[in-house]
Amino acid sequence: KHATHLYNAMSGFHHRDLGAAGAVLYLKDFSAEIIADGVHVH
């Protein structure tokens, strides 16, 4: 129930399959790391 640097190095959100990133966003109690340098993630 925890994600390593969300969005980076994982399958992305797609409308036909949430993928890893989408699952983390959708599941409310799934916690997530974020690399907040403004480059790795907008």
PDB file of all heavy atoms in Angstrom:
ATOM      1  N   LYS A   1       0.815  -1.218   0.000  1.00  0.00           N
ATOM      2  CA  LYS A   1       0.000   0.000   0.000  1.00  0.00           C
ATOM      3  C   LYS A   1       0.850   1.270   0.000  1.00  0.00           C
ATOM      4  O   LYS A   1       0.418   2.312   0.477  1.00  0.00           O
ATOM      5  CB  LYS A   1      -0.947  -0.019   1.209  1.00  0.00           C
ATOM      6  CG  LYS A   1      -1.955  -1.158   1.166  1.00  0.00           C
ATOM      7  CD  LYS A   1      -2.951  -1.105   2.304  1.00  0.00           C
ATOM      8  CE  LYS A   1      -3.961  -2.238   2.189  1.00  0.00           C
ATOM      9  NZ  LYS A   1      -4.969  -2.196   3.285  1.00  0.00           N
ATOM     10  N   HIS A   2       2.061   1.170  -0.552  1.00  0.00           N
ATOM     11  CA  HIS A   2       2.923   2.345  -0.672  1.00  0.00           C
ATOM     12  C   HIS A   2       3.645   2.266  -2.008  1.00  0.00           C
ATOM     13  O   HIS A   2       3.995   1.178  -2.471  1.00  0.00           O
ATOM     14  CB  HIS A   2       3.922   2.410   0.474  1.00  0.00           C
ATOM     15  CG  HIS A   2       4.776   3.637   0.458  1.00  0.00           C
ATOM     16  ND1 HIS A   2       4.255   4.904   0.586  1.00  0.00           N
ATOM     17  CD2 HIS A   2       6.123   3.796   0.303  1.00  0.00           C
ATOM     18  CE1 HIS A   2       5.238   5.789   0.547  1.00  0.00           C
ATOM     19  NE2 HIS A   2       6.380   5.147   0.360  1.00  0.00           N
ATOM     20  N   ALA A   3       3.848   3.423  -2.654  1.00  0.00           N
ATOM     21  CA  ALA A   3       4.456   3.454  -3.983  1.00  0.00           C
ATOM     22  C   ALA A   3       5.784   4.192  -3.974  1.00  0.00           C
ATOM     23  O   ALA A   3       5.917   5.252  -3.364  1.00  0.00           O
ATOM     24  CB  ALA A   3       3.513   4.114  -4.983  1.00  0.00           C
ATOM     25  N   THR A   4       6.744   3.632  -4.681  1.00  0.00           N
ATOM     26  CA  THR A   4       8.050   4.264  -4.869  1.00  0.00           C
ATOM     27  C   THR A   4       7.949   5.312  -5.975  1.00  0.00           C
ATOM     28  O   THR A   4       7.457   5.028  -7.060  1.00  0.00           O
ATOM     29  CB  THR A   4       9.107   3.214  -5.250  1.00  0.00           C
ATOM     30  OG1 THR A   4       9.224   2.269  -4.178  1.00  0.00           O
ATOM     31  CG2 THR A   4      10.455   3.858  -5.505  1.00  0.00           C
ATOM     32  N   HIS A   5       8.434   6.509  -5.693  1.00  0.00           N
ATOM     33  CA  HIS A   5       8.397   7.670  -6.610  1.00  0.00           C
ATOM     34  C   HIS A   5       7.305   7.558  -7.676  1.00  0.00           C
ATOM     35  O   HIS A   5       7.543   7.215  -8.830  1.00  0.00           O
ATOM     36  CB  HIS A   5       9.753   7.988  -7.227  1.00  0.00           C
ATOM     37  CG  HIS A   5      10.554   6.845  -7.778  1.00  0.00           C
ATOM     38  ND1 HIS A   5      10.073   5.957  -8.709  1.00  0.00           N
ATOM     39  CD2 HIS A   5      11.835   6.478  -7.540  1.00  0.00           C
ATOM     40  CE1 HIS A   5      11.027   5.090  -9.021  1.00  0.00           C
ATOM     41  NE2 HIS A   5      12.095   5.385  -8.323  1.00  0.00           N
ATOM     42  N   LEU A   6       6.095   7.880  -7.231  1.00  0.00           N
ATOM     43  CA  LEU A   6       4.901   7.811  -8.073  1.00  0.00           C
ATOM     44  C   LEU A   6       5.116   8.464  -9.438  1.00  0.00           C
ATOM     45  O   LEU A   6       5.738   9.519  -9.540  1.00  0.00           O
ATOM     46  CB  LEU A   6       3.735   8.489  -7.354  1.00  0.00           C
ATOM     47  CG  LEU A   6       2.396   8.541  -8.090  1.00  0.00           C
ATOM     48  CD1 LEU A   6       1.868   7.141  -8.365  1.00  0.00           C
ATOM     49  CD2 LEU A   6       1.389   9.359  -7.287  1.00  0.00           C
ATOM     50  N   TYR A   7       4.586   7.824 -10.468  1.00  0.00           N
ATOM     51  CA  TYR A   7       4.631   8.218 -11.883  1.00  0.00           C
ATOM     52  C   TYR A   7       5.928   7.778 -12.560  1.00  0.00           C
ATOM     53  O   TYR A   7       5.907   7.451 -13.750  1.00  0.00           O
ATOM     54  CB  TYR A   7       4.470   9.736 -12.089  1.00  0.00           C
ATOM     55  CG  TYR A   7       3.256  10.350 -11.455  1.00  0.00           C
ATOM     56  CD1 TYR A   7       3.388  11.281 -10.426  1.00  0.00           C
ATOM     57  CD2 TYR A   7       1.971  10.019 -11.878  1.00  0.00           C
ATOM     58  CE1 TYR A   7       2.271  11.872  -9.846  1.00  0.00           C
ATOM     59  CE2 TYR A   7       0.852  10.590 -11.298  1.00  0.00           C
ATOM     60  CZ  TYR A   7       1.012  11.525 -10.282  1.00  0.00           C
ATOM     61  OH  TYR A   7      -0.089  12.097  -9.708  1.00  0.00           O
ATOM     62  N   ASN A   8       7.048   7.814 -11.835  1.00  0.00           N
ATOM     63  CA  ASN A   8       8.332   7.481 -12.450  1.00  0.00           C
ATOM     64  C   ASN A   8       8.612   5.983 -12.351  1.00  0.00           C
ATOM     65  O   ASN A   8       8.430   5.372 -11.300  1.00  0.00           O
ATOM     66  CB  ASN A   8       9.471   8.268 -11.794  1.00  0.00           C
ATOM     67  CG  ASN A   8       9.300   9.762 -11.953  1.00  0.00           C
ATOM     68  OD1 ASN A   8       9.174  10.500 -10.976  1.00  0.00           O
ATOM     69  ND2 ASN A   8       9.276  10.223 -13.190  1.00  0.00           N
ATOM     70  N   ALA A   9       9.047   5.409 -13.464  1.00  0.00           N
ATOM     71  CA  ALA A   9       9.391   3.985 -13.532  1.00  0.00           C
ATOM     72  C   ALA A   9       8.202   3.090 -13.187  1.00  0.00           C
ATOM     73  O   ALA A   9       8.331   2.107 -12.455  1.00  0.00           O
ATOM     74  CB  ALA A   9      10.580   3.666 -12.625  1.00  0.00           C
ATOM     75  N   MET A  10       7.032   3.425 -13.722  1.00  0.00           N
ATOM     76  CA  MET A  10       5.857   2.571 -13.548  1.00  0.00           C
ATOM     77  C   MET A  10       4.873   2.818 -14.689  1.00  0.00           C
ATOM     78  O   MET A  10       4.927   3.864 -15.357  1.00  0.00           O
ATOM     79  CB  MET A  10       5.183   2.817 -12.197  1.00  0.00           C
ATOM     80  CG  MET A  10       4.591   4.204 -12.006  1.00  0.00           C
ATOM     81  SD  MET A  10       3.661   4.341 -10.437  1.00  0.00           S
ATOM     82  CE  MET A  10       4.934   3.993  -9.232  1.00  0.00           C
ATOM     83  N   SER A  11       4.004   1.842 -14.921  1.00  0.00           N
ATOM     84  CA  SER A  11       2.999   1.982 -15.973  1.00  0.00           C
ATOM     85  C   SER A  11       2.073   3.148 -15.656  1.00  0.00           C
ATOM     86  O   SER A  11       1.645   3.335 -14.519  1.00  0.00           O
ATOM     87  CB  SER A  11       2.189   0.682 -16.109  1.00  0.00           C
ATOM     88  OG  SER A  11       1.716   0.245 -14.852  1.00  0.00           O
ATOM     89  N   GLY A  12       1.797   3.942 -16.670  1.00  0.00           N
ATOM     90  CA  GLY A  12       1.035   5.163 -16.477  1.00  0.00           C
ATOM     91  C   GLY A  12      -0.466   4.958 -16.513  1.00  0.00           C
ATOM     92  O   GLY A  12      -0.974   3.876 -16.834  1.00  0.00           O
ATOM     93  N   PHE A  13      -1.163   6.026 -16.207  1.00  0.00           N
ATOM     94  CA  PHE A  13      -2.632   6.042 -16.206  1.00  0.00           C
ATOM     95  C   PHE A  13      -3.146   6.009 -17.652  1.00  0.00           C
ATOM     96  O   PHE A  13      -2.694   6.782 -18.483  1.00  0.00           O
ATOM     97  CB  PHE A  13      -3.091   7.323 -15.504  1.00  0.00           C
ATOM     98  CG  PHE A  13      -4.574   7.416 -15.302  1.00  0.00           C
ATOM     99  CD1 PHE A  13      -5.134   7.177 -14.054  1.00  0.00           C
ATOM    100  CD2 PHE A  13      -5.423   7.761 -16.338  1.00  0.00           C
ATOM    101  CE1 PHE A  13      -6.494   7.273 -13.857  1.00  0.00           C
ATOM    102  CE2 PHE A  13      -6.790   7.858 -16.160  1.00  0.00           C
ATOM    103  CZ  PHE A  13      -7.327   7.612 -14.902  1.00  0.00           C
ATOM    104  N   HIS A  14      -4.073   5.104 -17.928  1.00  0.00           N
ATOM    105  CA  HIS A  14      -4.698   5.037 -19.245  1.00  0.00           C
ATOM    106  C   HIS A  14      -6.187   4.782 -19.051  1.00  0.00           C
ATOM    107  O   HIS A  14      -6.585   4.091 -18.109  1.00  0.00           O
ATOM    108  CB  HIS A  14      -4.078   3.920 -20.100  1.00  0.00           C
ATOM    109  CG  HIS A  14      -4.519   3.938 -21.531  1.00  0.00           C
ATOM    110  ND1 HIS A  14      -5.678   3.322 -21.970  1.00  0.00           N
ATOM    111  CD2 HIS A  14      -3.955   4.507 -22.631  1.00  0.00           C
ATOM    112  CE1 HIS A  14      -5.805   3.512 -23.268  1.00  0.00           C
ATOM    113  NE2 HIS A  14      -4.777   4.220 -23.696  1.00  0.00           N
ATOM    114  N   HIS A  15      -7.012   5.327 -19.936  1.00  0.00           N
ATOM    115  CA  HIS A  15      -8.452   5.202 -19.733  1.00  0.00           C
ATOM    116  C   HIS A  15      -8.960   3.774 -19.887  1.00  0.00           C
ATOM    117  O   HIS A  15     -10.072   3.456 -19.435  1.00  0.00           O
ATOM    118  CB  HIS A  15      -9.202   6.137 -20.694  1.00  0.00           C
ATOM    119  CG  HIS A  15      -9.057   5.805 -22.139  1.00  0.00           C
ATOM    120  ND1 HIS A  15      -7.909   6.082 -22.846  1.00  0.00           N
ATOM    121  CD2 HIS A  15      -9.914   5.206 -23.005  1.00  0.00           C
ATOM    122  CE1 HIS A  15      -8.071   5.681 -24.090  1.00  0.00           C
ATOM    123  NE2 HIS A  15      -9.282   5.143 -24.218  1.00  0.00           N
ATOM    124  N   ARG A  16      -8.179   2.893 -20.495  1.00  0.00           N
ATOM    125  CA  ARG A  16      -8.594   1.497 -20.615  1.00  0.00           C
ATOM    126  C   ARG A  16      -7.986   0.618 -19.527  1.00  0.00           C
ATOM    127  O   ARG A  16      -8.422  -0.522 -19.329  1.00  0.00           O
ATOM    128  CB  ARG A  16      -8.226   0.945 -21.999  1.00  0.00           C
ATOM    129  CG  ARG A  16      -8.941   1.653 -23.133  1.00  0.00           C
ATOM    130  CD  ARG A  16      -8.853   0.866 -24.422  1.00  0.00           C
ATOM    131  NE  ARG A  16      -9.358   1.642 -25.549  1.00  0.00           N
ATOM    132  CZ  ARG A  16     -10.638   1.801 -25.840  1.00  0.00           C
ATOM    133  NH1 ARG A  16     -11.555   1.231 -25.076  1.00  0.00           N
ATOM    134  NH2 ARG A  16     -11.014   2.520 -26.881  1.00  0.00           N
ATOM    135  N   ASP A  17      -6.979   1.116 -18.866  1.00  0.00           N
ATOM    136  CA  ASP A  17      -6.370   0.390 -17.749  1.00  0.00           C
ATOM    137  C   ASP A  17      -5.654   1.410 -16.874  1.00  0.00           C
ATOM    138  O   ASP A  17      -4.782   2.140 -17.352  1.00  0.00           O
ATOM    139  CB  ASP A  17      -5.375  -0.665 -18.251  1.00  0.00           C
ATOM    140  CG  ASP A  17      -4.950  -1.627 -17.149  1.00  0.00           C
ATOM    141  OD1 ASP A  17      -4.585  -1.158 -16.052  1.00  0.00           O
ATOM    142  OD2 ASP A  17      -4.996  -2.848 -17.376  1.00  0.00           O
ATOM    143  N   LEU A  18      -6.022   1.460 -15.611  1.00  0.00           N
ATOM    144  CA  LEU A  18      -5.447   2.463 -14.723  1.00  0.00           C
ATOM    145  C   LEU A  18      -3.945   2.340 -14.577  1.00  0.00           C
ATOM    146  O   LEU A  18      -3.263   3.311 -14.254  1.00  0.00           O
ATOM    147  CB  LEU A  18      -6.101   2.352 -13.329  1.00  0.00           C
ATOM    148  CG  LEU A  18      -7.542   2.836 -13.212  1.00  0.00           C
ATOM    149  CD1 LEU A  18      -8.072   2.548 -11.824  1.00  0.00           C
ATOM    150  CD2 LEU A  18      -7.647   4.304 -13.531  1.00  0.00           C
ATOM    151  N   GLY A  19      -3.417   1.138 -14.818  1.00  0.00           N
ATOM    152  CA  GLY A  19      -1.984   0.952 -14.657  1.00  0.00           C
ATOM    153  C   GLY A  19      -1.558   1.140 -13.215  1.00  0.00           C
ATOM    154  O   GLY A  19      -2.375   1.302 -12.299  1.00  0.00           O
ATOM    155  N   ALA A  20      -0.236   1.146 -12.983  1.00  0.00           N
ATOM    156  CA  ALA A  20       0.282   1.283 -11.623  1.00  0.00           C
ATOM    157  C   ALA A  20       0.000   2.671 -11.059  1.00  0.00           C
ATOM    158  O   ALA A  20      -0.506   2.812  -9.942  1.00  0.00           O
ATOM    159  CB  ALA A  20       1.774   0.985 -11.603  1.00  0.00           C
ATOM    160  N   ALA A  21       0.296   3.709 -11.838  1.00  0.00           N
ATOM    161  CA  ALA A  21       0.100   5.076 -11.354  1.00  0.00           C
ATOM    162  C   ALA A  21      -1.370   5.354 -11.075  1.00  0.00           C
ATOM    163  O   ALA A  21      -1.721   5.936 -10.039  1.00  0.00           O
ATOM    164  CB  ALA A  21       0.647   6.074 -12.372  1.00  0.00           C
ATOM    165  N   GLY A  22      -2.236   4.935 -11.970  1.00  0.00           N
ATOM    166  CA  GLY A  22      -3.659   5.152 -11.779  1.00  0.00           C
ATOM    167  C   GLY A  22      -4.204   4.419 -10.567  1.00  0.00           C
ATOM    168  O   GLY A  22      -5.065   4.934  -9.847  1.00  0.00           O
ATOM    169  N   ALA A  23      -3.703   3.218 -10.327  1.00  0.00           N
ATOM    170  CA  ALA A  23      -4.143   2.447  -9.168  1.00  0.00           C
ATOM    171  C   ALA A  23      -3.788   3.163  -7.873  1.00  0.00           C
ATOM    172  O   ALA A  23      -4.591   3.223  -6.938  1.00  0.00           O
ATOM    173  CB  ALA A  23      -3.515   1.052  -9.195  1.00  0.00           C
ATOM    174  N   VAL A  24      -2.590   3.704  -7.816  1.00  0.00           N
ATOM    175  CA  VAL A  24      -2.158   4.424  -6.614  1.00  0.00           C
ATOM    176  C   VAL A  24      -3.046   5.638  -6.374  1.00  0.00           C
ATOM    177  O   VAL A  24      -3.435   5.928  -5.242  1.00  0.00           O
ATOM    178  CB  VAL A  24      -0.676   4.855  -6.737  1.00  0.00           C
ATOM    179  CG1 VAL A  24      -0.268   5.708  -5.546  1.00  0.00           C
ATOM    180  CG2 VAL A  24       0.224   3.631  -6.847  1.00  0.00           C
ATOM    181  N   LEU A  25      -3.390   6.342  -7.429  1.00  0.00           N
ATOM    182  CA  LEU A  25      -4.251   7.509  -7.296  1.00  0.00           C
ATOM    183  C   LEU A  25      -5.669   7.117  -6.889  1.00  0.00           C
ATOM    184  O   LEU A  25      -6.304   7.800  -6.085  1.00  0.00           O
ATOM    185  CB  LEU A  25      -4.291   8.279  -8.619  1.00  0.00           C
ATOM    186  CG  LEU A  25      -2.987   8.918  -9.082  1.00  0.00           C
ATOM    187  CD1 LEU A  25      -3.155   9.484 -10.485  1.00  0.00           C
ATOM    188  CD2 LEU A  25      -2.537  10.000  -8.122  1.00  0.00           C
ATOM    189  N   TYR A  26      -6.156   6.028  -7.421  1.00  0.00           N
ATOM    190  CA  TYR A  26      -7.537   5.613  -7.202  1.00  0.00           C
ATOM    191  C   TYR A  26      -7.753   5.045  -5.798  1.00  0.00           C
ATOM    192  O   TYR A  26      -8.789   5.304  -5.164  1.00  0.00           O
ATOM    193  CB  TYR A  26      -7.929   4.582  -8.250  1.00  0.00           C
ATOM    194  CG  TYR A  26      -9.327   4.043  -8.104  1.00  0.00           C
ATOM    195  CD1 TYR A  26     -10.433   4.862  -8.335  1.00  0.00           C
ATOM    196  CD2 TYR A  26      -9.553   2.715  -7.746  1.00  0.00           C
ATOM    197  CE1 TYR A  26     -11.720   4.373  -8.200  1.00  0.00           C
ATOM    198  CE2 TYR A  26     -10.832   2.223  -7.612  1.00  0.00           C
ATOM    199  CZ  TYR A  26     -11.911   3.051  -7.833  1.00  0.00           C
ATOM    200  OH  TYR A  26     -13.194   2.554  -7.697  1.00  0.00           O
ATOM    201  N   LEU A  27      -6.803   4.283  -5.305  1.00  0.00           N
ATOM    202  CA  LEU A  27      -6.939   3.632  -4.001  1.00  0.00           C
ATOM    203  C   LEU A  27      -6.554   4.625  -2.904  1.00  0.00           C
ATOM    204  O   LEU A  27      -5.388   4.961  -2.744  1.00  0.00           O
ATOM    205  CB  LEU A  27      -6.059   2.378  -3.955  1.00  0.00           C
ATOM    206  CG  LEU A  27      -6.420   1.310  -5.003  1.00  0.00           C
ATOM    207  CD1 LEU A  27      -5.339   0.252  -5.103  1.00  0.00           C
ATOM    208  CD2 LEU A  27      -7.767   0.681  -4.687  1.00  0.00           C
ATOM    209  N   LYS A  28      -7.525   5.100  -2.158  1.00  0.00           N
ATOM    210  CA  LYS A  28      -7.350   6.240  -1.261  1.00  0.00           C
ATOM    211  C   LYS A  28      -6.285   6.035  -0.199  1.00  0.00           C
ATOM    212  O   LYS A  28      -5.554   6.966   0.159  1.00  0.00           O
ATOM    213  CB  LYS A  28      -8.689   6.587  -0.593  1.00  0.00           C
ATOM    214  CG  LYS A  28      -9.760   7.078  -1.550  1.00  0.00           C
ATOM    215  CD  LYS A  28      -9.353   8.365  -2.236  1.00  0.00           C
ATOM    216  CE  LYS A  28     -10.462   8.889  -3.141  1.00  0.00           C
ATOM    217  NZ  LYS A  28     -10.057  10.112  -3.863  1.00  0.00           N
ATOM    218  N   ASP A  29      -6.176   4.823   0.356  1.00  0.00           N
ATOM    219  CA  ASP A  29      -5.216   4.621   1.437  1.00  0.00           C
ATOM    220  C   ASP A  29      -3.855   4.145   0.939  1.00  0.00           C
ATOM    221  O   ASP A  29      -3.001   3.742   1.722  1.00  0.00           O
ATOM    222  CB  ASP A  29      -5.764   3.645   2.478  1.00  0.00           C
ATOM    223  CG  ASP A  29      -6.080   2.268   1.901  1.00  0.00           C
ATOM    224  OD1 ASP A  29      -6.284   2.170   0.674  1.00  0.00           O
ATOM    225  OD2 ASP A  29      -6.126   1.301   2.688  1.00  0.00           O
ATOM    226  N   PHE A  30      -3.658   4.204  -0.382  1.00  0.00           N
ATOM    227  CA  PHE A  30      -2.352   3.881  -0.969  1.00  0.00           C
ATOM    228  C   PHE A  30      -1.487   5.135  -0.846  1.00  0.00           C
ATOM    229  O   PHE A  30      -1.794   6.176  -1.420  1.00  0.00           O
ATOM    230  CB  PHE A  30      -2.513   3.508  -2.436  1.00  0.00           C
ATOM    231  CG  PHE A  30      -1.538   2.470  -2.920  1.00  0.00           C
ATOM    232  CD1 PHE A  30      -1.976   1.229  -3.339  1.00  0.00           C
ATOM    233  CD2 PHE A  30      -0.181   2.734  -2.956  1.00  0.00           C
ATOM    234  CE1 PHE A  30      -1.091   0.265  -3.798  1.00  0.00           C
ATOM    235  CE2 PHE A  30       0.718   1.787  -3.411  1.00  0.00           C
ATOM    236  CZ  PHE A  30       0.267   0.538  -3.829  1.00  0.00           C
ATOM    237  N   SER A  31      -0.416   5.065  -0.069  1.00  0.00           N
ATOM    238  CA  SER A  31       0.466   6.220   0.084  1.00  0.00           C
ATOM    239  C   SER A  31       1.508   6.222  -1.032  1.00  0.00           C
ATOM    240  O   SER A  31       1.744   5.198  -1.681  1.00  0.00           O
ATOM    241  CB  SER A  31       1.146   6.204   1.454  1.00  0.00           C
ATOM    242  OG  SER A  31       1.847   4.985   1.660  1.00  0.00           O
ATOM    243  N   ALA A  32       2.124   7.368  -1.257  1.00  0.00           N
ATOM    244  CA  ALA A  32       3.024   7.476  -2.400  1.00  0.00           C
ATOM    245  C   ALA A  32       4.148   8.468  -2.159  1.00  0.00           C
ATOM    246  O   ALA A  32       3.949   9.515  -1.541  1.00  0.00           O
ATOM    247  CB  ALA A  32       2.245   7.897  -3.646  1.00  0.00           C
ATOM    248  N   GLU A  33       5.322   8.116  -2.650  1.00  0.00           N
ATOM    249  CA  GLU A  33       6.437   9.054  -2.694  1.00  0.00           C
ATOM    250  C   GLU A  33       6.294   9.933  -3.935  1.00  0.00           C
ATOM    251  O   GLU A  33       5.690   9.522  -4.928  1.00  0.00           O
ATOM    252  CB  GLU A  33       7.768   8.299  -2.788  1.00  0.00           C
ATOM    253  CG  GLU A  33       8.053   7.375  -1.630  1.00  0.00           C
ATOM    254  CD  GLU A  33       9.290   6.524  -1.867  1.00  0.00           C
ATOM    255  OE1 GLU A  33       9.835   6.542  -2.997  1.00  0.00           O
ATOM    256  OE2 GLU A  33       9.697   5.825  -0.928  1.00  0.00           O
ATOM    257  N   ILE A  34       6.879  11.115  -3.872  1.00  0.00           N
ATOM    258  CA  ILE A  34       6.891  11.999  -5.035  1.00  0.00           C
ATOM    259  C   ILE A  34       8.229  12.722  -5.112  1.00  0.00           C
ATOM    260  O   ILE A  34       8.731  13.215  -4.104  1.00  0.00           O
ATOM    261  CB  ILE A  34       5.722  13.013  -4.984  1.00  0.00           C
ATOM    262  CG1 ILE A  34       5.544  13.718  -6.324  1.00  0.00           C
ATOM    263  CG2 ILE A  34       5.869  13.988  -3.849  1.00  0.00           C
ATOM    264  CD1 ILE A  34       4.935  12.856  -7.387  1.00  0.00           C
ATOM    265  N   ILE A  35       8.838  12.724  -6.296  1.00  0.00           N
ATOM    266  CA  ILE A  35      10.076  13.477  -6.520  1.00  0.00           C
ATOM    267  C   ILE A  35       9.672  14.876  -6.958  1.00  0.00           C
ATOM    268  O   ILE A  35       9.271  15.085  -8.101  1.00  0.00           O
ATOM    269  CB  ILE A  35      10.961  12.825  -7.600  1.00  0.00           C
ATOM    270  CG1 ILE A  35      11.254  11.365  -7.261  1.00  0.00           C
ATOM    271  CG2 ILE A  35      12.271  13.607  -7.761  1.00  0.00           C
ATOM    272  CD1 ILE A  35      11.959  10.603  -8.381  1.00  0.00           C
ATOM    273  N   ALA A  36       9.766  15.834  -6.056  1.00  0.00           N
ATOM    274  CA  ALA A  36       9.228  17.172  -6.328  1.00  0.00           C
ATOM    275  C   ALA A  36      10.308  18.129  -6.828  1.00  0.00           C
ATOM    276  O   ALA A  36      10.505  19.214  -6.274  1.00  0.00           O
ATOM    277  CB  ALA A  36       8.574  17.730  -5.065  1.00  0.00           C
ATOM    278  N   ASP A  37      10.993  17.737  -7.903  1.00  0.00           N
ATOM    279  CA  ASP A  37      11.993  18.647  -8.471  1.00  0.00           C
ATOM    280  C   ASP A  37      11.438  19.439  -9.647  1.00  0.00           C
ATOM    281  O   ASP A  37      12.120  20.291 -10.213  1.00  0.00           O
ATOM    282  CB  ASP A  37      13.256  17.888  -8.883  1.00  0.00           C
ATOM    283  CG  ASP A  37      13.025  16.835  -9.962  1.00  0.00           C
ATOM    284  OD1 ASP A  37      11.869  16.661 -10.400  1.00  0.00           O
ATOM    285  OD2 ASP A  37      14.002  16.172 -10.356  1.00  0.00           O
ATOM    286  N   GLY A  38      10.187  19.161 -10.043  1.00  0.00           N
ATOM    287  CA  GLY A  38       9.581  19.878 -11.157  1.00  0.00           C
ATOM    288  C   GLY A  38       9.990  19.358 -12.513  1.00  0.00           C
ATOM    289  O   GLY A  38       9.509  19.863 -13.534  1.00  0.00           O
ATOM    290  N   VAL A  39      10.862  18.357 -12.535  1.00  0.00           N
ATOM    291  CA  VAL A  39      11.313  17.769 -13.800  1.00  0.00           C
ATOM    292  C   VAL A  39      10.826  16.325 -13.914  1.00  0.00           C
ATOM    293  O   VAL A  39      10.210  15.943 -14.905  1.00  0.00           O
ATOM    294  CB  VAL A  39      12.851  17.822 -13.923  1.00  0.00           C
ATOM    295  CG1 VAL A  39      13.312  17.139 -15.217  1.00  0.00           C
ATOM    296  CG2 VAL A  39      13.345  19.259 -13.860  1.00  0.00           C
ATOM    297  N   HIS A  40      11.114  15.533 -12.899  1.00  0.00           N
ATOM    298  CA  HIS A  40      10.656  14.145 -12.908  1.00  0.00           C
ATOM    299  C   HIS A  40       9.137  14.061 -12.971  1.00  0.00           C
ATOM    300  O   HIS A  40       8.588  13.136 -13.585  1.00  0.00           O
ATOM    301  CB  HIS A  40      11.170  13.411 -11.667  1.00  0.00           C
ATOM    302  CG  HIS A  40      12.575  12.933 -11.779  1.00  0.00           C
ATOM    303  ND1 HIS A  40      13.656  13.768 -11.590  1.00  0.00           N
ATOM    304  CD2 HIS A  40      13.087  11.705 -12.074  1.00  0.00           C
ATOM    305  CE1 HIS A  40      14.771  13.072 -11.758  1.00  0.00           C
ATOM    306  NE2 HIS A  40      14.453  11.823 -12.059  1.00  0.00           N
ATOM    307  N   VAL A  41       8.474  15.001 -12.313  1.00  0.00           N
ATOM    308  CA  VAL A  41       7.015  15.079 -12.334  1.00  0.00           C
ATOM    309  C   VAL A  41       6.625  16.546 -12.512  1.00  0.00           C
ATOM    310  O   VAL A  41       7.128  17.416 -11.790  1.00  0.00           O
ATOM    311  CB  VAL A  41       6.405  14.536 -11.026  1.00  0.00           C
ATOM    312  CG1 VAL A  41       4.878  14.599 -11.083  1.00  0.00           C
ATOM    313  CG2 VAL A  41       6.867  13.102 -10.762  1.00  0.00           C
ATOM    314  N   HIS A  42       5.750  16.830 -13.455  1.00  0.00           N
ATOM    315  CA  HIS A  42       5.337  18.213 -13.708  1.00  0.00           C
ATOM    316  C   HIS A  42       4.716  18.815 -12.449  1.00  0.00           C
ATOM    317  O   HIS A  42       3.966  18.133 -11.730  1.00  0.00           O
ATOM    318  CB  HIS A  42       4.326  18.244 -14.851  1.00  0.00           C
ATOM    319  CG  HIS A  42       4.030  19.616 -15.363  1.00  0.00           C
ATOM    320  ND1 HIS A  42       3.167  20.479 -14.716  1.00  0.00           N
ATOM    321  CD2 HIS A  42       4.498  20.286 -16.455  1.00  0.00           C
ATOM    322  CE1 HIS A  42       3.106  21.613 -15.378  1.00  0.00           C
ATOM    323  NE2 HIS A  42       3.894  21.529 -16.447  1.00  0.00           N
TER     324      HIS A  42
END
